[in-house]
Amino acid sequence: MSKNVLIVSNSSEEGQWALEAVQGAGFNGSITEQGTLPELKGVDAVVWDQQDGESGSEFIQTLRHKDGNFLPVILVTQHGDYKMSFQTWACNSPAVRSGDGFQLQTSIKQSLQ
């Protein structure tokens, strides 16, 4: 059975590269726009494409523990220094540079092991 990965992005156009990477790794993927808490039933992992560079650690924790289940969240950012920020480290989520499909695929596979 294929795993389902939800991509939360500013728009479906901005999240398209991530969708292609998810599908290229053999997972089912879908995109939802930021701003609302998405439906997570049947979702195995979330890719949060946060182009604004905000940490959103509260949002990540909400996603992770929605409905009492732990859900892996992979952060995507265009800001290289964000990967090393304390807030990213503290929320214990892998951070991937925007547009790096190989790194995203690797992070998803590791998160779903």
C-alpha atoms as a PDB file:
ATOM      1  CA  MET A   1       0.000   0.000   0.000  1.00  0.00           C
ATOM      2  CA  SER A   2       1.375   3.404  -0.986  1.00  0.00           C
ATOM      3  CA  LYS A   3       1.798   6.095   1.658  1.00  0.00           C
ATOM      4  CA  ASN A   4      -0.133   9.363   1.418  1.00  0.00           C
ATOM      5  CA  VAL A   5       1.801  12.628   1.705  1.00  0.00           C
ATOM      6  CA  LEU A   6       0.045  15.985   2.069  1.00  0.00           C
ATOM      7  CA  ILE A   7       1.880  19.103   0.885  1.00  0.00           C
ATOM      8  CA  VAL A   8       0.854  22.334   2.621  1.00  0.00           C
ATOM      9  CA  SER A   9       1.941  25.266   0.436  1.00  0.00           C
ATOM     10  CA  ASN A  10       1.116  28.902  -0.295  1.00  0.00           C
ATOM     11  CA  SER A  11      -0.421  27.781  -3.591  1.00  0.00           C
ATOM     12  CA  SER A  12      -0.679  24.670  -5.735  1.00  0.00           C
ATOM     13  CA  GLU A  13       1.769  26.230  -8.223  1.00  0.00           C
ATOM     14  CA  GLU A  14       4.451  26.765  -5.542  1.00  0.00           C
ATOM     15  CA  GLY A  15       4.005  23.230  -4.232  1.00  0.00           C
ATOM     16  CA  GLN A  16       4.159  21.563  -7.644  1.00  0.00           C
ATOM     17  CA  TRP A  17       7.873  20.694  -7.426  1.00  0.00           C
ATOM     18  CA  ALA A  18       7.244  18.963  -4.074  1.00  0.00           C
ATOM     19  CA  LEU A  19       4.280  17.053  -5.498  1.00  0.00           C
ATOM     20  CA  GLU A  20       6.445  15.818  -8.365  1.00  0.00           C
ATOM     21  CA  ALA A  21       9.167  14.731  -5.899  1.00  0.00           C
ATOM     22  CA  VAL A  22       6.622  12.918  -3.698  1.00  0.00           C
ATOM     23  CA  GLN A  23       5.107  11.093  -6.651  1.00  0.00           C
ATOM     24  CA  GLY A  24       8.563  10.364  -8.075  1.00  0.00           C
ATOM     25  CA  ALA A  25       9.414   8.550  -4.839  1.00  0.00           C
ATOM     26  CA  GLY A  26       6.350   6.326  -5.270  1.00  0.00           C
ATOM     27  CA  PHE A  27       4.049   8.031  -2.755  1.00  0.00           C
ATOM     28  CA  ASN A  28       0.567   9.411  -3.291  1.00  0.00           C
ATOM     29  CA  GLY A  29       0.629  13.196  -3.001  1.00  0.00           C
ATOM     30  CA  SER A  30      -1.824  16.063  -2.760  1.00  0.00           C
ATOM     31  CA  ILE A  31      -1.511  19.801  -2.166  1.00  0.00           C
ATOM     32  CA  THR A  32      -3.529  22.016   0.150  1.00  0.00           C
ATOM     33  CA  GLU A  33      -3.053  25.736   0.675  1.00  0.00           C
ATOM     34  CA  GLN A  34      -1.728  27.212   3.923  1.00  0.00           C
ATOM     35  CA  GLY A  35      -4.017  29.070   6.264  1.00  0.00           C
ATOM     36  CA  THR A  36      -6.395  26.319   7.274  1.00  0.00           C
ATOM     37  CA  LEU A  37      -5.801  23.136   9.200  1.00  0.00           C
ATOM     38  CA  PRO A  38      -6.095  20.408   6.574  1.00  0.00           C
ATOM     39  CA  GLU A  39      -8.006  17.151   6.872  1.00  0.00           C
ATOM     40  CA  LEU A  40      -5.426  14.570   7.877  1.00  0.00           C
ATOM     41  CA  LYS A  41      -7.412  11.332   7.789  1.00  0.00           C
ATOM     42  CA  GLY A  42      -5.402   8.822   5.765  1.00  0.00           C
ATOM     43  CA  VAL A  43      -2.326  11.090   5.623  1.00  0.00           C
ATOM     44  CA  ASP A  44       0.979   9.415   6.562  1.00  0.00           C
ATOM     45  CA  ALA A  45       3.275  12.483   6.398  1.00  0.00           C
ATOM     46  CA  VAL A  46       3.066  16.229   5.812  1.00  0.00           C
ATOM     47  CA  VAL A  47       5.426  18.383   3.760  1.00  0.00           C
ATOM     48  CA  TRP A  48       5.101  21.981   4.915  1.00  0.00           C
ATOM     49  CA  ASP A  49       6.394  24.295   2.182  1.00  0.00           C
ATOM     50  CA  GLN A  50       6.844  27.466   4.227  1.00  0.00           C
ATOM     51  CA  GLN A  51       8.255  30.025   1.835  1.00  0.00           C
ATOM     52  CA  ASP A  52       7.735  32.871   4.290  1.00  0.00           C
ATOM     53  CA  GLY A  53      10.501  31.537   6.568  1.00  0.00           C
ATOM     54  CA  GLU A  54       8.372  31.547   9.715  1.00  0.00           C
ATOM     55  CA  SER A  55       8.924  28.700  12.140  1.00  0.00           C
ATOM     56  CA  GLY A  56       5.293  27.870  12.853  1.00  0.00           C
ATOM     57  CA  SER A  57       6.305  25.477  15.617  1.00  0.00           C
ATOM     58  CA  GLU A  58       2.787  25.622  17.112  1.00  0.00           C
ATOM     59  CA  PHE A  59       1.286  24.697  13.737  1.00  0.00           C
ATOM     60  CA  ILE A  60       3.756  21.829  13.389  1.00  0.00           C
ATOM     61  CA  GLN A  61       2.867  20.475  16.828  1.00  0.00           C
ATOM     62  CA  THR A  62      -0.843  20.730  15.979  1.00  0.00           C
ATOM     63  CA  LEU A  63      -0.290  18.769  12.762  1.00  0.00           C
ATOM     64  CA  ARG A  64       1.865  16.190  14.479  1.00  0.00           C
ATOM     65  CA  HIS A  65      -0.629  15.346  17.182  1.00  0.00           C
ATOM     66  CA  LYS A  66      -3.954  15.851  15.425  1.00  0.00           C
ATOM     67  CA  ASP A  67      -6.435  13.138  16.373  1.00  0.00           C
ATOM     68  CA  GLY A  68      -3.956  11.747  18.910  1.00  0.00           C
ATOM     69  CA  ASN A  69      -1.618  10.254  16.304  1.00  0.00           C
ATOM     70  CA  PHE A  70       1.981  11.249  15.637  1.00  0.00           C
ATOM     71  CA  LEU A  71       2.426  12.502  12.070  1.00  0.00           C
ATOM     72  CA  PRO A  72       5.861  13.203  10.528  1.00  0.00           C
ATOM     73  CA  VAL A  73       6.227  16.795   9.295  1.00  0.00           C
ATOM     74  CA  ILE A  74       8.996  17.746   6.832  1.00  0.00           C
ATOM     75  CA  LEU A  75       9.760  21.470   6.551  1.00  0.00           C
ATOM     76  CA  VAL A  76      10.642  23.070   3.223  1.00  0.00           C
ATOM     77  CA  THR A  77      12.303  26.474   3.171  1.00  0.00           C
ATOM     78  CA  GLN A  78      14.111  28.676   0.698  1.00  0.00           C
ATOM     79  CA  HIS A  79      16.207  30.141   3.484  1.00  0.00           C
ATOM     80  CA  GLY A  80      19.405  28.097   3.943  1.00  0.00           C
ATOM     81  CA  ASP A  81      20.157  29.494   7.390  1.00  0.00           C
ATOM     82  CA  TYR A  82      16.675  28.507   8.562  1.00  0.00           C
ATOM     83  CA  LYS A  83      17.774  24.879   8.591  1.00  0.00           C
ATOM     84  CA  MET A  84      20.134  25.700  11.430  1.00  0.00           C
ATOM     85  CA  SER A  85      17.778  27.950  13.416  1.00  0.00           C
ATOM     86  CA  PHE A  86      16.983  26.968  16.986  1.00  0.00           C
ATOM     87  CA  GLN A  87      13.222  26.987  16.367  1.00  0.00           C
ATOM     88  CA  THR A  88      13.565  24.467  13.533  1.00  0.00           C
ATOM     89  CA  TRP A  89      15.872  22.299  15.590  1.00  0.00           C
ATOM     90  CA  ALA A  90      13.585  22.495  18.622  1.00  0.00           C
ATOM     91  CA  CYS A  91      10.515  21.329  16.697  1.00  0.00           C
ATOM     92  CA  ASN A  92      12.477  18.207  15.681  1.00  0.00           C
ATOM     93  CA  SER A  93      11.418  18.188  12.022  1.00  0.00           C
ATOM     94  CA  PRO A  94      13.721  17.616   9.066  1.00  0.00           C
ATOM     95  CA  ALA A  95      14.292  20.775   7.011  1.00  0.00           C
ATOM     96  CA  VAL A  96      14.736  20.600   3.230  1.00  0.00           C
ATOM     97  CA  ARG A  97      15.805  23.397   0.900  1.00  0.00           C
ATOM     98  CA  SER A  98      13.081  24.456  -1.530  1.00  0.00           C
ATOM     99  CA  GLY A  99      13.416  22.859  -4.951  1.00  0.00           C
ATOM    100  CA  ASP A 100      15.641  19.975  -3.779  1.00  0.00           C
ATOM    101  CA  GLY A 101      13.474  17.037  -4.810  1.00  0.00           C
ATOM    102  CA  PHE A 102      16.081  14.392  -3.978  1.00  0.00           C
ATOM    103  CA  GLN A 103      16.549  15.682  -0.427  1.00  0.00           C
ATOM    104  CA  LEU A 104      12.771  15.850   0.027  1.00  0.00           C
ATOM    105  CA  GLN A 105      12.350  12.255  -1.177  1.00  0.00           C
ATOM    106  CA  THR A 106      15.090  11.084   1.187  1.00  0.00           C
ATOM    107  CA  SER A 107      13.568  12.932   4.174  1.00  0.00           C
ATOM    108  CA  ILE A 108      10.103  11.504   3.512  1.00  0.00           C
ATOM    109  CA  LYS A 109      11.437   7.944   3.212  1.00  0.00           C
ATOM    110  CA  GLN A 110      13.403   8.304   6.456  1.00  0.00           C
ATOM    111  CA  SER A 111      10.411   9.801   8.268  1.00  0.00           C
ATOM    112  CA  LEU A 112       8.134   6.953   7.213  1.00  0.00           C
ATOM    113  CA  GLN A 113      10.466   4.108   8.243  1.00  0.00           C
END
